[in-house]
Amino acid sequence: MVRTIITTIGSGLGLTLYSTATLADWTVNLTPGVTDVSRSVFDLHMTIFWICVAIALVVFGVMFWSIFHHRKSRGAQAHHFHENTLVEVIWTLIPIVILVAMAIPATATLVDMYDTDEAELDIQITGYQWKWRYDYLDHDLTFFSNLSTPREQISNEADKQEHYLLEVDRHLVLPVDTRIRFLLTSNDVIHSWWVPALAVKKDAIPGFINDAWTVINEPGIYRGQCAELCGKDHGFMPVVVEAVSRAEFQQWLADARAAEQAEAAAAERVWTLDELMQQGEQVYLRACAACHLPNGEGVPGAFPALKGSAITLGDVGAHIDIVLNGKSGTAMQAFRDQLSATELAAVITYERNAWGNSLGEAVSPAQIARLLQPATGEAEQ
């Protein structure tokens, strides 16, 4: 018995020391963030918190004092009284005063949060299952941001890294000390774009545009997630904002445009089957594996298999069409605006030659690029 008690105490001390060492920087409170609004939200939170603490101390203090001093063992007798106008006025006025004291700073903060006028930079954010699209409306730049955590970590085949499920292949790069307006919508279901450090959390709803704004005061990388239950891979839809100086932002814009031009030029060169397979696997794992699984076997009753399927082994034109334009009435999205011509050609080639399909044929990026060009009538419009 004594040995059991000693063992239990030792285990408890060990867990305590372990927890102290591993959770030294763990907190349960909000963080001030890196914008004026986020700090206003933090200050408002702390103000309301301490008001609640003061109310709790008074209420519970009076309650415990009354219980102790008017206990039965001391012979206390309950008093009977009704319709005490003074008491009723007091317990009505005090809560009103408290609520008004809380409402004034809360209203001021909300007014500031919803003032999206006079933006220097407009970013349209569109939610997709399960990725984000960012359009820099003032700079004619668009890209998608996808989860970049390796599938091996998700399936517990590799050790999880520091930013497990919180890293993406392309960051949303923003300049500091700049008033930025976010215009949020969705391509499919309701999503919610949430970055705690910026105090921005706004729903992205199909057919609607919500707006929010921020001015980031400090350079750095700030992470968030989709905060709306948006489907199977809801937990695999992180947000990463990279705040840089104005000069660095201009350089990043120039580099991004140069990369787009290089991508367009790459579609015109001749690609080997091995090159397309190598890039196609990366694109597939990033854009397709969530539904069709990394092994191409799909999810019976929900997402069709690509391994040995009529689509991947059949007419290449039909395969290209469904990847580019999706399939109405199903979860199959149109990828013509989500992937480049090279990425589309690579992933289609990969699907037709992976998992034993082995057709030995390649789809040319140049062929996809021609299909992506607008018709003559559309171009004139």
Protein backbone atom coordinates (compact mmCIF):
# COMPACT_ATOMS: atom_id res chain seq x y z
CA MET A 1 0.00 0.00 0.00
CA VAL A 2 2.76 2.42 0.97
CA ARG A 3 4.70 1.46 -2.15
CA THR A 4 1.64 2.18 -4.31
CA ILE A 5 1.21 5.61 -2.71
CA ILE A 6 4.90 6.46 -3.23
CA THR A 7 4.70 5.32 -6.86
CA THR A 8 1.59 7.41 -7.45
CA ILE A 9 3.16 10.51 -5.89
CA GLY A 10 6.33 10.00 -7.93
CA SER A 11 4.36 9.66 -11.14
CA GLY A 12 2.41 12.80 -10.33
CA LEU A 13 5.60 14.77 -9.66
CA GLY A 14 7.11 13.47 -12.88
CA LEU A 15 4.08 14.55 -14.90
CA THR A 16 4.14 17.95 -13.20
CA LEU A 17 7.79 18.50 -14.05
CA TYR A 18 7.24 17.24 -17.59
CA SER A 19 4.29 19.56 -18.09
CA THR A 20 6.19 22.51 -16.67
CA ALA A 21 9.10 21.91 -19.00
CA THR A 22 7.09 21.28 -22.15
CA LEU A 23 4.31 23.81 -21.61
CA ALA A 24 6.40 26.70 -20.28
CA ASP A 25 5.11 29.09 -22.93
CA TRP A 26 1.54 27.73 -23.01
CA THR A 27 -1.16 30.25 -22.23
CA VAL A 28 -4.94 30.29 -22.25
CA ASN A 29 -5.40 34.01 -22.82
CA LEU A 30 -5.76 35.94 -26.07
CA THR A 31 -2.64 37.49 -27.59
CA PRO A 32 -2.38 41.22 -28.34
CA GLY A 33 -1.69 40.62 -32.04
CA VAL A 34 0.19 42.89 -34.43
CA THR A 35 -2.45 45.43 -35.50
CA ASP A 36 -4.08 48.35 -33.74
CA VAL A 37 -7.46 46.61 -33.98
CA SER A 38 -6.14 43.36 -32.55
CA ARG A 39 -4.70 45.26 -29.59
CA SER A 40 -8.01 47.10 -29.13
CA VAL A 41 -9.75 43.71 -29.09
CA PHE A 42 -7.24 42.44 -26.53
CA ASP A 43 -7.69 45.51 -24.33
CA LEU A 44 -11.47 45.20 -24.59
CA HIS A 45 -11.24 41.52 -23.68
CA MET A 46 -9.14 42.30 -20.61
CA THR A 47 -11.45 45.14 -19.56
CA ILE A 48 -14.53 42.89 -19.72
CA PHE A 49 -12.60 40.10 -18.01
CA TRP A 50 -11.67 42.25 -15.00
CA ILE A 51 -15.21 43.63 -14.78
CA CYS A 52 -16.46 40.04 -14.63
CA VAL A 53 -13.83 39.20 -12.00
CA ALA A 54 -14.92 42.17 -9.88
CA ILE A 55 -18.59 41.18 -10.18
CA ALA A 56 -17.75 37.58 -9.24
CA LEU A 57 -15.74 38.71 -6.19
CA VAL A 58 -18.56 40.95 -4.95
CA VAL A 59 -21.37 38.46 -5.59
CA PHE A 60 -19.59 35.40 -4.25
CA GLY A 61 -18.08 37.42 -1.39
CA VAL A 62 -21.52 38.56 -0.24
CA MET A 63 -22.91 35.08 -0.76
CA PHE A 64 -20.21 33.30 1.26
CA TRP A 65 -20.27 35.99 3.99
CA SER A 66 -24.05 35.58 4.26
CA ILE A 67 -23.81 31.79 4.38
CA PHE A 68 -21.16 31.95 7.13
CA HIS A 69 -22.68 34.65 9.33
CA HIS A 70 -26.29 33.57 8.98
CA ARG A 71 -25.85 29.83 9.32
CA LYS A 72 -28.36 27.75 11.24
CA SER A 73 -25.85 26.77 13.96
CA ARG A 74 -25.72 30.41 15.09
CA GLY A 75 -29.49 30.52 15.40
CA ALA A 76 -30.04 32.85 12.43
CA GLN A 77 -33.64 33.34 11.37
CA ALA A 78 -34.65 34.22 7.82
CA HIS A 79 -36.31 37.59 7.40
CA HIS A 80 -39.47 37.89 5.33
CA PHE A 81 -39.93 41.01 3.22
CA HIS A 82 -41.64 41.84 -0.08
CA GLU A 83 -41.81 44.69 -2.59
CA ASN A 84 -38.79 46.64 -1.43
CA THR A 85 -38.74 49.39 -4.03
CA LEU A 86 -35.25 50.62 -3.13
CA VAL A 87 -33.71 47.14 -3.52
CA GLU A 88 -35.43 46.60 -6.85
CA VAL A 89 -34.22 49.96 -8.17
CA ILE A 90 -30.67 49.26 -7.02
CA TRP A 91 -30.43 45.80 -8.56
CA THR A 92 -31.83 47.21 -11.82
CA LEU A 93 -29.62 50.28 -12.05
CA ILE A 94 -26.33 48.56 -11.18
CA PRO A 95 -26.50 46.04 -14.08
CA ILE A 96 -27.53 48.85 -16.45
CA VAL A 97 -24.53 50.93 -15.43
CA ILE A 98 -22.23 47.91 -15.83
CA LEU A 99 -23.62 47.07 -19.28
CA VAL A 100 -23.26 50.65 -20.48
CA ALA A 101 -19.68 50.73 -19.19
CA MET A 102 -18.99 47.57 -21.21
CA ALA A 103 -20.91 48.68 -24.32
CA ILE A 104 -19.09 51.98 -24.85
CA PRO A 105 -15.59 50.54 -25.51
CA ALA A 106 -17.09 47.51 -27.29
CA THR A 107 -19.02 49.73 -29.71
CA ALA A 108 -15.99 51.89 -30.41
CA THR A 109 -13.93 48.78 -31.23
CA LEU A 110 -16.65 47.31 -33.48
CA VAL A 111 -17.04 50.58 -35.39
CA ASP A 112 -13.29 50.58 -36.01
CA MET A 113 -13.31 46.91 -37.10
CA TYR A 114 -16.05 47.51 -39.69
CA ASP A 115 -14.58 50.68 -41.22
CA THR A 116 -13.16 49.38 -44.51
CA ASP A 117 -12.88 52.73 -46.30
CA GLU A 118 -9.76 54.26 -47.86
CA ALA A 119 -7.84 51.05 -48.50
CA GLU A 120 -4.43 51.26 -50.18
CA LEU A 121 -4.45 47.60 -51.27
CA ASP A 122 -7.40 45.33 -52.11
CA ILE A 123 -7.12 41.54 -51.77
CA GLN A 124 -9.94 39.25 -52.87
CA ILE A 125 -9.94 36.00 -50.93
CA THR A 126 -11.94 33.08 -52.32
CA GLY A 127 -12.44 29.86 -50.40
CA TYR A 128 -12.29 26.52 -52.22
CA GLN A 129 -12.50 22.99 -50.88
CA TRP A 130 -9.83 22.99 -49.49
CA LYS A 131 -7.57 25.86 -50.42
CA TRP A 132 -7.54 29.66 -50.70
CA ARG A 133 -7.33 31.80 -53.80
CA TYR A 134 -5.77 35.27 -53.48
CA ASP A 135 -6.35 38.00 -56.07
CA TYR A 136 -4.28 41.18 -55.78
CA LEU A 137 -6.87 43.37 -57.48
CA ASP A 138 -4.56 46.36 -57.82
CA HIS A 139 -1.68 44.38 -59.28
CA ASP A 140 -3.25 41.78 -61.63
CA LEU A 141 -1.80 38.86 -59.67
CA THR A 142 -3.61 35.66 -58.70
CA PHE A 143 -2.52 32.43 -57.07
CA PHE A 144 -3.77 29.56 -54.93
CA SER A 145 -2.45 28.69 -51.49
CA ASN A 146 -2.51 24.98 -50.60
CA LEU A 147 -1.58 22.96 -47.54
CA SER A 148 2.06 21.86 -47.86
CA THR A 149 2.29 19.43 -44.95
CA PRO A 150 3.56 16.14 -46.44
CA ARG A 151 1.02 13.32 -46.63
CA GLU A 152 3.48 11.11 -44.74
CA GLN A 153 3.04 13.29 -41.66
CA ILE A 154 -0.74 13.28 -41.96
CA SER A 155 -0.80 9.47 -42.16
CA ASN A 156 1.69 9.16 -39.26
CA GLU A 157 4.38 7.69 -41.48
CA ALA A 158 6.79 10.53 -40.61
CA ASP A 159 7.44 12.78 -37.63
CA LYS A 160 5.23 15.85 -37.47
CA GLN A 161 7.11 19.13 -37.89
CA GLU A 162 6.70 22.42 -36.02
CA HIS A 163 4.01 23.85 -38.30
CA TYR A 164 2.09 20.64 -38.86
CA LEU A 165 -1.10 21.41 -40.84
CA LEU A 166 -0.25 25.14 -40.61
CA GLU A 167 2.10 25.59 -43.59
CA VAL A 168 1.21 26.34 -47.20
CA ASP A 169 3.02 26.30 -50.52
CA ARG A 170 2.46 30.04 -51.14
CA HIS A 171 2.09 32.69 -48.45
CA LEU A 172 -0.21 35.68 -48.69
CA VAL A 173 2.45 38.41 -48.77
CA LEU A 174 1.35 41.83 -47.50
CA PRO A 175 3.17 45.12 -46.83
CA VAL A 176 3.32 46.54 -43.31
CA ASP A 177 2.03 50.02 -42.47
CA THR A 178 -0.50 49.75 -45.31
CA ARG A 179 -4.28 49.83 -45.03
CA ILE A 180 -5.43 46.58 -46.66
CA ARG A 181 -9.01 45.63 -47.48
CA PHE A 182 -10.02 41.97 -47.75
CA LEU A 183 -12.98 41.03 -49.95
CA LEU A 184 -14.09 37.52 -49.04
CA THR A 185 -16.28 35.08 -50.96
CA SER A 186 -16.43 31.36 -51.73
CA ASN A 187 -16.50 29.14 -54.78
CA ASP A 188 -18.40 26.26 -53.19
CA VAL A 189 -19.43 26.11 -49.51
CA ILE A 190 -19.13 28.48 -46.55
CA HIS A 191 -15.56 28.98 -45.34
CA SER A 192 -14.16 31.39 -42.76
CA TRP A 193 -10.82 33.17 -43.13
CA TRP A 194 -9.29 33.60 -39.68
CA VAL A 195 -5.91 35.03 -38.63
CA PRO A 196 -5.89 35.71 -34.86
CA ALA A 197 -2.82 37.97 -34.89
CA LEU A 198 -4.63 40.34 -37.29
CA ALA A 199 -7.97 40.14 -35.45
CA VAL A 200 -9.60 39.21 -38.76
CA LYS A 201 -12.21 36.46 -38.89
CA LYS A 202 -14.76 36.73 -41.67
CA ASP A 203 -17.03 34.21 -43.38
CA ALA A 204 -16.54 33.50 -47.09
CA ILE A 205 -20.04 32.78 -48.46
CA PRO A 206 -20.91 31.71 -52.03
CA GLY A 207 -22.65 34.53 -53.90
CA PHE A 208 -21.79 37.16 -51.29
CA ILE A 209 -18.80 39.41 -50.65
CA ASN A 210 -17.87 40.25 -47.06
CA ASP A 211 -15.14 42.73 -46.29
CA ALA A 212 -12.60 43.30 -43.54
CA TRP A 213 -9.44 45.34 -43.20
CA THR A 214 -6.11 45.47 -41.43
CA VAL A 215 -2.94 47.49 -41.02
CA ILE A 216 -0.07 45.23 -39.95
CA ASN A 217 2.42 47.00 -37.71
CA GLU A 218 5.18 44.39 -37.47
CA PRO A 219 6.87 42.23 -40.15
CA GLY A 220 6.56 38.51 -39.58
CA ILE A 221 4.65 35.35 -40.41
CA TYR A 222 1.15 34.99 -38.96
CA ARG A 223 -0.86 31.80 -39.18
CA GLY A 224 -4.54 31.01 -39.15
CA GLN A 225 -7.08 28.50 -40.40
CA CYS A 226 -10.49 28.08 -41.91
CA ALA A 227 -12.81 28.48 -38.93
CA GLU A 228 -15.94 27.06 -40.59
CA LEU A 229 -16.73 23.35 -40.87
CA CYS A 230 -16.46 23.20 -44.66
CA GLY A 231 -16.18 19.52 -45.46
CA LYS A 232 -13.93 16.48 -45.32
CA ASP A 233 -10.58 18.29 -45.24
CA HIS A 234 -11.70 21.32 -43.22
CA GLY A 235 -8.70 20.88 -40.91
CA PHE A 236 -6.29 20.97 -43.86
CA MET A 237 -7.03 24.54 -44.95
CA PRO A 238 -4.52 26.83 -43.19
CA VAL A 239 -3.83 30.52 -43.77
CA VAL A 240 -0.30 31.94 -43.73
CA VAL A 241 0.24 35.70 -43.95
CA GLU A 242 3.75 37.01 -44.47
CA ALA A 243 4.13 40.70 -43.62
CA VAL A 244 7.12 42.46 -45.17
CA SER A 245 8.32 46.01 -45.67
CA ARG A 246 6.90 48.08 -48.53
CA ALA A 247 10.15 47.78 -50.50
CA GLU A 248 10.25 44.00 -50.03
CA PHE A 249 6.62 43.79 -51.10
CA GLN A 250 7.33 45.60 -54.37
CA GLN A 251 10.25 43.24 -55.02
CA TRP A 252 8.04 40.25 -54.26
CA LEU A 253 5.45 41.50 -56.75
CA ALA A 254 8.12 41.80 -59.44
CA ASP A 255 9.41 38.28 -58.67
CA ALA A 256 5.87 36.86 -58.73
CA ARG A 257 5.16 38.39 -62.15
CA ALA A 258 8.47 37.07 -63.46
CA ALA A 259 7.57 33.59 -62.17
CA GLU A 260 4.21 33.77 -63.97
CA GLN A 261 5.96 34.66 -67.22
CA ALA A 262 8.42 31.81 -66.74
CA GLU A 263 5.53 29.43 -66.08
CA ALA A 264 3.82 30.52 -69.30
CA ALA A 265 7.07 30.07 -71.24
CA ALA A 266 7.56 26.61 -69.73
CA ALA A 267 4.30 25.45 -71.28
CA GLU A 268 5.74 26.00 -74.75
CA ARG A 269 8.77 23.77 -74.38
CA VAL A 270 8.79 20.02 -74.95
CA TRP A 271 8.38 17.98 -71.77
CA THR A 272 9.41 14.35 -71.39
CA LEU A 273 7.10 11.76 -69.86
CA ASP A 274 9.38 11.42 -66.82
CA GLU A 275 9.35 15.20 -66.22
CA LEU A 276 5.58 15.33 -66.43
CA MET A 277 5.22 12.32 -64.12
CA GLN A 278 7.50 13.85 -61.52
CA GLN A 279 5.66 17.19 -61.47
CA GLY A 280 2.29 15.50 -61.89
CA GLU A 281 2.76 13.50 -58.70
CA GLN A 282 3.40 16.70 -56.72
CA VAL A 283 0.33 18.40 -58.22
CA TYR A 284 -1.83 15.32 -57.62
CA LEU A 285 -0.85 15.05 -53.94
CA ARG A 286 -1.53 18.74 -53.47
CA ALA A 287 -4.77 19.13 -55.42
CA CYS A 288 -6.37 15.71 -55.92
CA ALA A 289 -5.32 13.29 -53.19
CA ALA A 290 -7.73 14.76 -50.63
CA CYS A 291 -10.63 13.19 -52.53
CA HIS A 292 -9.15 10.43 -54.67
CA LEU A 293 -6.51 9.38 -52.08
CA PRO A 294 -2.75 9.18 -52.74
CA ASN A 295 -3.11 5.64 -54.12
CA GLY A 296 -5.82 6.68 -56.58
CA GLU A 297 -8.39 4.30 -55.13
CA GLY A 298 -10.85 7.01 -54.08
CA VAL A 299 -13.53 6.71 -51.40
CA PRO A 300 -16.31 4.28 -52.35
CA GLY A 301 -19.67 6.03 -52.54
CA ALA A 302 -18.13 9.50 -52.30
CA PHE A 303 -15.12 10.01 -54.59
CA PRO A 304 -14.48 7.70 -57.56
CA ALA A 305 -11.26 5.77 -58.00
CA LEU A 306 -8.79 6.88 -60.67
CA LYS A 307 -6.82 3.66 -60.56
CA GLY A 308 -8.06 1.55 -63.46
CA SER A 309 -11.02 3.87 -64.10
CA ALA A 310 -12.77 4.50 -67.39
CA ILE A 311 -11.74 8.16 -67.25
CA THR A 312 -8.01 7.64 -66.78
CA LEU A 313 -7.84 4.70 -69.19
CA GLY A 314 -10.31 6.03 -71.74
CA ASP A 315 -10.39 8.90 -74.22
CA VAL A 316 -7.80 11.51 -73.32
CA GLY A 317 -10.05 14.34 -74.52
CA ALA A 318 -12.77 13.36 -72.05
CA HIS A 319 -10.16 13.13 -69.29
CA ILE A 320 -8.84 16.60 -70.09
CA ASP A 321 -12.38 18.02 -70.22
CA ILE A 322 -13.39 16.78 -66.78
CA VAL A 323 -10.16 18.04 -65.17
CA LEU A 324 -10.45 21.45 -66.81
CA ASN A 325 -14.21 21.97 -66.45
CA GLY A 326 -15.25 19.69 -63.58
CA LYS A 327 -18.45 17.67 -63.48
CA SER A 328 -21.77 19.29 -62.69
CA GLY A 329 -23.68 17.86 -59.74
CA THR A 330 -20.59 16.32 -58.15
CA ALA A 331 -17.73 17.42 -55.94
CA MET A 332 -15.40 17.42 -58.96
CA GLN A 333 -14.15 21.00 -59.31
CA ALA A 334 -13.03 22.78 -62.45
CA PHE A 335 -9.25 23.15 -62.29
CA ARG A 336 -8.72 25.33 -65.37
CA ASP A 337 -8.41 28.44 -63.18
CA GLN A 338 -6.65 26.70 -60.30
CA LEU A 339 -3.65 25.16 -62.06
CA SER A 340 -1.29 26.31 -64.79
CA ALA A 341 -1.16 24.65 -68.20
CA THR A 342 1.98 22.77 -67.21
CA GLU A 343 0.45 21.59 -63.94
CA LEU A 344 -2.74 20.47 -65.69
CA ALA A 345 -0.82 18.54 -68.33
CA ALA A 346 1.41 16.99 -65.69
CA VAL A 347 -1.38 15.83 -63.39
CA ILE A 348 -3.42 14.36 -66.27
CA THR A 349 -0.32 12.56 -67.53
CA TYR A 350 0.35 11.28 -64.02
CA GLU A 351 -3.20 9.97 -63.57
CA ARG A 352 -2.99 8.08 -66.89
CA ASN A 353 0.32 6.44 -66.01
CA ALA A 354 0.32 5.92 -62.22
CA TRP A 355 -0.93 3.03 -60.04
CA GLY A 356 -0.56 0.53 -62.85
CA ASN A 357 -2.55 2.51 -65.43
CA SER A 358 0.66 2.78 -67.52
CA LEU A 359 -0.73 4.01 -70.82
CA GLY A 360 2.69 5.40 -71.72
CA GLU A 361 1.22 8.59 -73.22
CA ALA A 362 1.91 12.19 -72.25
CA VAL A 363 -0.33 15.25 -72.44
CA SER A 364 1.51 18.29 -73.75
CA PRO A 365 1.42 21.54 -71.73
CA ALA A 366 1.21 23.41 -75.03
CA GLN A 367 -1.95 21.46 -75.88
CA ILE A 368 -3.53 22.47 -72.55
CA ALA A 369 -2.42 26.08 -73.02
CA ARG A 370 -4.30 26.24 -76.32
CA LEU A 371 -7.43 24.87 -74.65
CA LEU A 372 -7.17 27.50 -71.91
CA GLN A 373 -7.10 30.39 -74.38
CA PRO A 374 -10.43 32.26 -74.65
CA ALA A 375 -12.47 31.86 -77.79
CA THR A 376 -12.16 34.64 -80.39
CA GLY A 377 -15.56 36.11 -79.46
CA GLU A 378 -14.69 36.17 -75.76
CA ALA A 379 -11.33 37.77 -76.45
CA GLU A 380 -12.98 40.57 -78.43
CA GLN A 381 -15.45 41.23 -75.64
